[in-house]
Amino acid sequence: MTTLDKKHATRLLRQMLLIRRFEEKSAEMYSATKIRGFLHLYIGEEAVAVGVMATLTPEDAVVATYREHGQALARGMSADSIMAEMFGKKEGCCLGRGGSMHLFDAATRFYGGNAIVAGGLPLAVGLALADAMQGRKRVTCCFFGDGAVAEGDFHESMNLASLWRLPVLFLCENNLYAMGTALRYTQANQDIAAKGASYNMASAVVDGMDVIAVEEAANIAVTHIRSGQGPYLLECRTYRFRPHSMFDTEQYRTKAEVEEWKQRDPIELLADQLTGAGLFSEEERQTLEQDVAVEVEDSVAFAEAGTWEAVEDLTRFVYSERRKA
């Protein structure tokens, strides 16, 4: 850790803190009925998005899951546009029409937010195929959960990407539970990374609670892809500290298990490592916390002050106008 660049490490820590505080505020706003519909929080999994995004360039593409607030923030989307979207306001990244599960931002090449389990994998293959056909040196990073591994889209996408040697980073966020079903009940072989061998694809597994380890593993994967060696499967073993969604009664796991995983909180792990190496002080931690708190509160104020879409625009983007002869 003493060789780690302090500026870079502090940026990683700030990003994880921003995601954590933003998600906590989102839960608060949901309870206050400011946010409606579904809400899936990223609390506990921050190291995955932050570590992976650190290895990507602005030209690369990101295809996300429905638990994507943290991925969007780490990619560079503004907290304002995300919060406004969840409030259903026109100032949101999708004009308030997408909500929590459908964040999208062309400027950062963030292609969803996808509410269909495994639905993003074929999209990632398509984006990568387009890049390959155009000769563009880009990587498409596709996030998905362990539940998606049981879907046909996972296997079809892995097969095609390997067959065509496409520049895709298949990034599995394995939090051990596909909604409310433990991985051991759905997969005969729980080693997800090992499935890459079935498709002649390089793969690896990494501790998804350690942002430095995630960044290092993702960097190896991205370097492999950029060098023209084909796609890569990276399994990040992580854990969500909150229920699957705000509607989840969480009857499928024990409180003791959750508390055990919280002992490996990715934010505290990095902060402790930096402090122990003499690279970070408590005062600096407090400064970061205050800075993040202001950004999150500003996002709520921005969303509150936003405007509702006019009723007259209800059919915009739904029906096409008949062209006059």
Protein backbone atom coordinates (compact mmCIF):
# COMPACT_ATOMS: atom_id res chain seq x y z
CA MET A 1 0.00 0.00 0.00
CA THR A 2 2.93 2.39 0.55
CA THR A 3 3.55 2.33 -3.22
CA LEU A 4 -0.07 3.21 -3.99
CA ASP A 5 -0.60 6.71 -5.31
CA LYS A 6 -2.41 8.66 -2.60
CA LYS A 7 -4.35 10.82 -5.05
CA HIS A 8 -5.65 7.80 -6.92
CA ALA A 9 -6.53 5.89 -3.74
CA THR A 10 -8.36 8.91 -2.33
CA ARG A 11 -10.37 9.17 -5.54
CA LEU A 12 -11.38 5.52 -5.24
CA LEU A 13 -12.40 6.05 -1.62
CA ARG A 14 -14.42 9.15 -2.47
CA GLN A 15 -16.27 7.33 -5.24
CA MET A 16 -17.21 4.49 -2.91
CA LEU A 17 -18.33 6.96 -0.26
CA LEU A 18 -20.43 8.83 -2.81
CA ILE A 19 -22.17 5.63 -3.88
CA ARG A 20 -22.80 4.57 -0.28
CA ARG A 21 -24.23 7.94 0.84
CA PHE A 22 -26.23 8.34 -2.36
CA GLU A 23 -27.82 4.93 -1.87
CA GLU A 24 -28.59 5.63 1.78
CA LYS A 25 -30.26 8.88 0.75
CA SER A 26 -32.17 7.05 -1.99
CA ALA A 27 -33.58 4.65 0.60
CA GLU A 28 -34.60 7.64 2.72
CA MET A 29 -36.31 9.30 -0.24
CA TYR A 30 -38.07 6.05 -1.10
CA SER A 31 -39.45 5.79 2.43
CA ALA A 32 -40.66 9.38 2.06
CA THR A 33 -42.42 8.33 -1.22
CA LYS A 34 -40.31 10.77 -3.23
CA ILE A 35 -39.01 7.79 -5.21
CA ARG A 36 -41.56 5.25 -6.40
CA GLY A 37 -41.50 1.87 -8.13
CA PHE A 38 -38.60 -0.51 -7.60
CA LEU A 39 -35.35 0.39 -5.88
CA HIS A 40 -32.32 -1.90 -5.71
CA LEU A 41 -29.42 -0.57 -3.63
CA TYR A 42 -25.72 -1.12 -4.30
CA ILE A 43 -24.63 -0.85 -0.67
CA GLY A 44 -21.79 -3.29 0.00
CA GLU A 45 -20.82 -3.78 -3.63
CA GLU A 46 -19.15 -0.39 -4.19
CA ALA A 47 -15.65 -1.80 -4.71
CA VAL A 48 -16.72 -3.66 -7.86
CA ALA A 49 -18.01 -0.71 -9.88
CA VAL A 50 -15.31 1.68 -8.67
CA GLY A 51 -12.45 -0.75 -9.23
CA VAL A 52 -13.59 -1.76 -12.71
CA MET A 53 -14.42 1.74 -13.96
CA ALA A 54 -10.90 2.87 -13.05
CA THR A 55 -9.57 0.67 -15.87
CA LEU A 56 -11.93 1.89 -18.61
CA THR A 57 -11.57 4.84 -20.99
CA PRO A 58 -14.32 7.33 -21.97
CA GLU A 59 -14.55 5.57 -25.36
CA ASP A 60 -15.39 2.22 -23.78
CA ALA A 61 -19.00 1.18 -23.28
CA VAL A 62 -20.75 0.02 -20.11
CA VAL A 63 -23.86 -2.16 -20.02
CA ALA A 64 -25.34 -2.38 -16.53
CA THR A 65 -27.89 -4.30 -14.49
CA TYR A 66 -30.96 -3.00 -12.69
CA ARG A 67 -28.83 -2.45 -9.54
CA GLU A 68 -26.92 0.23 -11.40
CA HIS A 69 -26.86 3.48 -9.40
CA GLY A 70 -23.35 2.74 -8.18
CA GLN A 71 -22.17 1.74 -11.64
CA ALA A 72 -23.61 4.95 -13.11
CA LEU A 73 -21.98 7.17 -10.48
CA ALA A 74 -18.63 5.42 -10.89
CA ARG A 75 -18.89 5.86 -14.65
CA GLY A 76 -19.22 9.60 -14.23
CA MET A 77 -22.94 10.29 -14.47
CA SER A 78 -23.96 13.15 -12.21
CA ALA A 79 -25.75 12.52 -8.95
CA ASP A 80 -28.18 15.26 -9.98
CA SER A 81 -29.30 13.53 -13.17
CA ILE A 82 -29.67 10.16 -11.42
CA MET A 83 -31.64 11.47 -8.45
CA ALA A 84 -33.88 13.54 -10.72
CA GLU A 85 -34.53 10.46 -12.82
CA MET A 86 -35.60 8.47 -9.78
CA PHE A 87 -37.87 11.34 -8.75
CA GLY A 88 -39.47 11.11 -12.20
CA LYS A 89 -38.46 14.63 -13.21
CA LYS A 90 -37.68 15.91 -16.72
CA GLU A 91 -34.18 16.87 -15.62
CA GLY A 92 -33.36 13.20 -15.10
CA CYS A 93 -31.01 11.34 -17.43
CA CYS A 94 -34.01 9.76 -19.18
CA LEU A 95 -36.41 12.66 -18.71
CA GLY A 96 -37.90 10.88 -15.72
CA ARG A 97 -39.27 8.07 -17.87
CA GLY A 98 -36.83 5.32 -16.92
CA GLY A 99 -36.55 5.51 -13.17
CA SER A 100 -34.21 3.55 -10.95
CA MET A 101 -33.71 0.50 -13.17
CA HIS A 102 -33.25 2.24 -16.52
CA LEU A 103 -30.49 4.83 -16.17
CA PHE A 104 -28.93 5.72 -19.52
CA ASP A 105 -26.39 8.30 -20.62
CA ALA A 106 -24.97 8.46 -24.14
CA ALA A 107 -22.33 11.02 -23.14
CA THR A 108 -20.60 8.53 -20.84
CA ARG A 109 -21.51 5.55 -23.06
CA PHE A 110 -23.57 4.08 -20.23
CA TYR A 111 -26.13 1.84 -21.94
CA GLY A 112 -28.53 0.92 -19.17
CA GLY A 113 -29.88 -0.02 -16.58
CA ASN A 114 -31.64 -3.18 -17.78
CA ALA A 115 -34.55 -4.65 -15.82
CA ILE A 116 -34.38 -8.04 -17.56
CA VAL A 117 -32.05 -10.53 -15.88
CA ALA A 118 -29.22 -11.25 -18.39
CA GLY A 119 -30.87 -8.88 -20.86
CA GLY A 120 -27.76 -6.73 -21.12
CA LEU A 121 -25.42 -9.50 -22.25
CA PRO A 122 -26.64 -9.71 -25.88
CA LEU A 123 -26.56 -5.90 -26.04
CA ALA A 124 -22.93 -5.93 -24.97
CA VAL A 125 -22.10 -8.48 -27.65
CA GLY A 126 -23.79 -6.25 -30.24
CA LEU A 127 -21.88 -3.15 -29.14
CA ALA A 128 -18.61 -5.05 -29.21
CA LEU A 129 -19.40 -6.54 -32.62
CA ALA A 130 -20.02 -3.04 -34.00
CA ASP A 131 -16.67 -1.87 -32.60
CA ALA A 132 -14.87 -4.87 -34.07
CA MET A 133 -16.45 -4.37 -37.50
CA GLN A 134 -15.51 -0.68 -37.44
CA GLY A 135 -11.97 -1.37 -36.26
CA ARG A 136 -12.40 0.67 -33.09
CA LYS A 137 -10.12 -0.23 -30.17
CA ARG A 138 -12.82 -0.19 -27.50
CA VAL A 139 -13.94 -2.46 -24.70
CA THR A 140 -17.54 -3.14 -23.75
CA CYS A 141 -17.90 -3.92 -20.05
CA CYS A 142 -21.05 -5.88 -19.22
CA PHE A 143 -22.14 -6.10 -15.58
CA PHE A 144 -24.49 -8.90 -14.51
CA GLY A 145 -25.34 -10.81 -11.36
CA ASP A 146 -24.94 -14.47 -10.45
CA GLY A 147 -28.62 -15.02 -11.24
CA ALA A 148 -27.98 -14.19 -14.90
CA VAL A 149 -25.65 -17.18 -15.21
CA ALA A 150 -28.71 -19.47 -15.17
CA GLU A 151 -30.18 -17.73 -18.22
CA GLY A 152 -29.72 -18.83 -21.82
CA ASP A 153 -28.60 -15.33 -22.80
CA PHE A 154 -25.48 -15.77 -20.68
CA HIS A 155 -24.38 -18.90 -22.51
CA GLU A 156 -25.32 -17.64 -25.98
CA SER A 157 -23.52 -14.34 -25.41
CA MET A 158 -20.40 -16.00 -24.02
CA ASN A 159 -20.30 -18.39 -26.97
CA LEU A 160 -20.68 -15.74 -29.66
CA ALA A 161 -18.23 -13.34 -28.02
CA SER A 162 -15.59 -16.06 -27.88
CA LEU A 163 -16.36 -17.40 -31.34
CA TRP A 164 -15.95 -13.94 -32.87
CA ARG A 165 -13.17 -12.85 -30.44
CA LEU A 166 -15.11 -9.75 -29.45
CA PRO A 167 -13.77 -7.10 -27.04
CA VAL A 168 -16.17 -7.80 -24.15
CA LEU A 169 -15.43 -7.85 -20.44
CA PHE A 170 -18.11 -10.05 -18.89
CA LEU A 171 -18.23 -8.82 -15.30
CA CYS A 172 -20.17 -11.03 -12.89
CA GLU A 173 -21.09 -9.43 -9.57
CA ASN A 174 -21.59 -12.60 -7.58
CA ASN A 175 -23.37 -11.55 -4.37
CA LEU A 176 -24.39 -15.17 -3.68
CA TYR A 177 -28.14 -14.62 -4.01
CA ALA A 178 -30.18 -14.40 -7.20
CA MET A 179 -32.87 -12.23 -5.64
CA GLY A 180 -33.69 -14.57 -2.76
CA THR A 181 -32.23 -17.89 -3.86
CA ALA A 182 -28.75 -18.93 -2.77
CA LEU A 183 -26.31 -19.79 -5.52
CA ARG A 184 -25.89 -23.32 -4.15
CA TYR A 185 -29.51 -24.06 -5.05
CA THR A 186 -29.25 -22.92 -8.67
CA GLN A 187 -25.77 -23.86 -9.90
CA ALA A 188 -24.32 -27.38 -9.89
CA ASN A 189 -20.90 -25.71 -10.22
CA GLN A 190 -20.78 -22.56 -8.10
CA ASP A 191 -17.42 -21.50 -9.55
CA ILE A 192 -18.74 -19.00 -12.09
CA ALA A 193 -15.29 -18.00 -13.37
CA ALA A 194 -14.66 -21.65 -14.31
CA LYS A 195 -17.51 -21.48 -16.81
CA GLY A 196 -15.29 -19.41 -19.08
CA ALA A 197 -13.38 -22.56 -20.00
CA SER A 198 -16.52 -23.97 -21.63
CA TYR A 199 -16.27 -21.18 -24.18
CA ASN A 200 -12.50 -21.12 -24.56
CA MET A 201 -12.49 -17.80 -22.70
CA ALA A 202 -9.90 -16.45 -20.27
CA SER A 203 -11.34 -15.92 -16.80
CA ALA A 204 -10.48 -15.08 -13.21
CA VAL A 205 -12.07 -14.60 -9.81
CA VAL A 206 -11.34 -11.71 -7.44
CA ASP A 207 -12.32 -10.52 -3.97
CA GLY A 208 -15.08 -8.06 -4.79
CA MET A 209 -14.83 -6.37 -1.38
CA ASP A 210 -11.27 -5.15 -2.08
CA VAL A 211 -11.28 -2.22 -4.53
CA ILE A 212 -7.53 -2.43 -5.14
CA ALA A 213 -7.74 -6.13 -5.96
CA VAL A 214 -10.72 -5.50 -8.26
CA GLU A 215 -8.88 -2.75 -10.12
CA GLU A 216 -5.80 -4.94 -10.57
CA ALA A 217 -7.84 -7.90 -11.81
CA ALA A 218 -9.91 -5.70 -14.14
CA ASN A 219 -6.75 -4.12 -15.52
CA ILE A 220 -5.40 -7.57 -16.42
CA ALA A 221 -8.70 -8.43 -18.09
CA VAL A 222 -8.93 -5.16 -20.04
CA THR A 223 -5.31 -5.44 -21.18
CA HIS A 224 -6.04 -8.95 -22.42
CA ILE A 225 -9.05 -7.71 -24.39
CA ARG A 226 -7.33 -4.63 -25.86
CA SER A 227 -4.46 -6.77 -27.11
CA GLY A 228 -6.89 -8.64 -29.36
CA GLN A 229 -6.98 -11.88 -27.38
CA GLY A 230 -10.76 -11.98 -27.18
CA PRO A 231 -13.31 -11.60 -24.35
CA TYR A 232 -12.72 -12.17 -20.66
CA LEU A 233 -14.91 -13.36 -17.78
CA LEU A 234 -14.19 -11.77 -14.39
CA GLU A 235 -16.11 -12.96 -11.34
CA CYS A 236 -16.17 -10.48 -8.45
CA ARG A 237 -17.29 -12.17 -5.25
CA THR A 238 -19.14 -9.52 -3.31
CA TYR A 239 -22.16 -9.09 -1.04
CA ARG A 240 -25.06 -6.66 -0.76
CA PHE A 241 -25.67 -5.43 2.77
CA ARG A 242 -29.29 -4.48 2.09
CA PRO A 243 -32.19 -6.69 0.91
CA HIS A 244 -32.62 -7.39 -2.79
CA SER A 245 -35.03 -4.47 -3.11
CA MET A 246 -37.09 -2.22 -0.87
CA PHE A 247 -39.92 -4.80 -1.08
CA ASP A 248 -37.73 -7.70 0.08
CA THR A 249 -38.51 -9.13 3.54
CA GLU A 250 -35.13 -10.93 3.46
CA GLN A 251 -36.21 -14.31 4.84
CA TYR A 252 -33.55 -16.28 2.95
CA ARG A 253 -30.39 -15.32 4.88
CA THR A 254 -29.49 -14.76 8.52
CA LYS A 255 -28.64 -11.50 10.20
CA ALA A 256 -25.45 -13.15 11.44
CA GLU A 257 -24.34 -13.78 7.86
CA VAL A 258 -24.98 -10.17 6.88
CA GLU A 259 -23.06 -8.88 9.90
CA GLU A 260 -20.16 -11.19 9.10
CA TRP A 261 -19.88 -9.73 5.61
CA LYS A 262 -20.13 -6.19 6.97
CA GLN A 263 -16.84 -6.82 8.74
CA ARG A 264 -15.34 -6.66 5.24
CA ASP A 265 -16.97 -3.37 4.28
CA PRO A 266 -15.04 -2.24 1.15
CA ILE A 267 -15.00 1.40 2.26
CA GLU A 268 -13.57 0.65 5.68
CA LEU A 269 -11.09 -1.86 4.23
CA LEU A 270 -9.54 0.77 1.96
CA ALA A 271 -9.67 3.52 4.59
CA ASP A 272 -7.97 1.29 7.16
CA GLN A 273 -5.28 0.25 4.68
CA LEU A 274 -4.54 3.83 3.76
CA THR A 275 -4.49 4.98 7.37
CA GLY A 276 -2.26 2.10 8.37
CA ALA A 277 0.19 2.99 5.59
CA GLY A 278 0.33 6.59 6.76
CA LEU A 279 -1.34 7.86 3.57
CA PHE A 280 -4.61 9.07 5.09
CA SER A 281 -5.80 10.82 8.24
CA GLU A 282 -9.10 10.98 10.10
CA GLU A 283 -9.33 14.66 9.22
CA GLU A 284 -9.06 13.81 5.54
CA ARG A 285 -11.77 11.19 5.95
CA GLN A 286 -14.09 13.76 7.51
CA THR A 287 -13.38 16.20 4.69
CA LEU A 288 -14.33 13.56 2.15
CA GLU A 289 -17.51 12.73 4.06
CA GLN A 290 -18.53 16.38 4.17
CA ASP A 291 -17.79 16.87 0.48
CA VAL A 292 -19.86 13.81 -0.44
CA ALA A 293 -22.71 14.86 1.87
CA VAL A 294 -22.98 18.20 0.08
CA GLU A 295 -23.07 16.52 -3.34
CA VAL A 296 -25.81 14.12 -2.26
CA GLU A 297 -27.93 16.82 -0.61
CA ASP A 298 -27.52 19.00 -3.70
CA SER A 299 -28.80 16.13 -5.85
CA VAL A 300 -31.96 15.91 -3.75
CA ALA A 301 -32.48 19.67 -3.97
CA PHE A 302 -31.97 19.47 -7.73
CA ALA A 303 -34.54 16.69 -8.03
CA GLU A 304 -37.03 18.47 -5.76
CA ALA A 305 -36.76 21.62 -7.88
CA GLY A 306 -37.18 19.66 -11.11
CA THR A 307 -40.22 19.79 -13.36
CA TRP A 308 -42.84 17.17 -14.18
CA GLU A 309 -43.44 16.24 -17.78
CA ALA A 310 -46.60 17.75 -19.22
CA VAL A 311 -49.58 15.42 -19.62
CA GLU A 312 -49.71 16.46 -23.28
CA ASP A 313 -46.35 14.74 -23.78
CA LEU A 314 -47.57 11.40 -22.46
CA THR A 315 -47.31 9.68 -25.86
CA ARG A 316 -43.95 11.19 -26.83
CA PHE A 317 -41.42 8.46 -27.77
CA VAL A 318 -44.24 5.89 -27.69
CA TYR A 319 -46.08 6.36 -30.98
CA SER A 320 -44.61 7.62 -34.24
CA GLU A 321 -46.42 10.27 -36.21
CA ARG A 322 -47.93 9.17 -39.54
CA ARG A 323 -46.12 10.94 -42.35
CA LYS A 324 -48.29 13.02 -44.63
CA ALA A 325 -48.31 12.05 -48.31
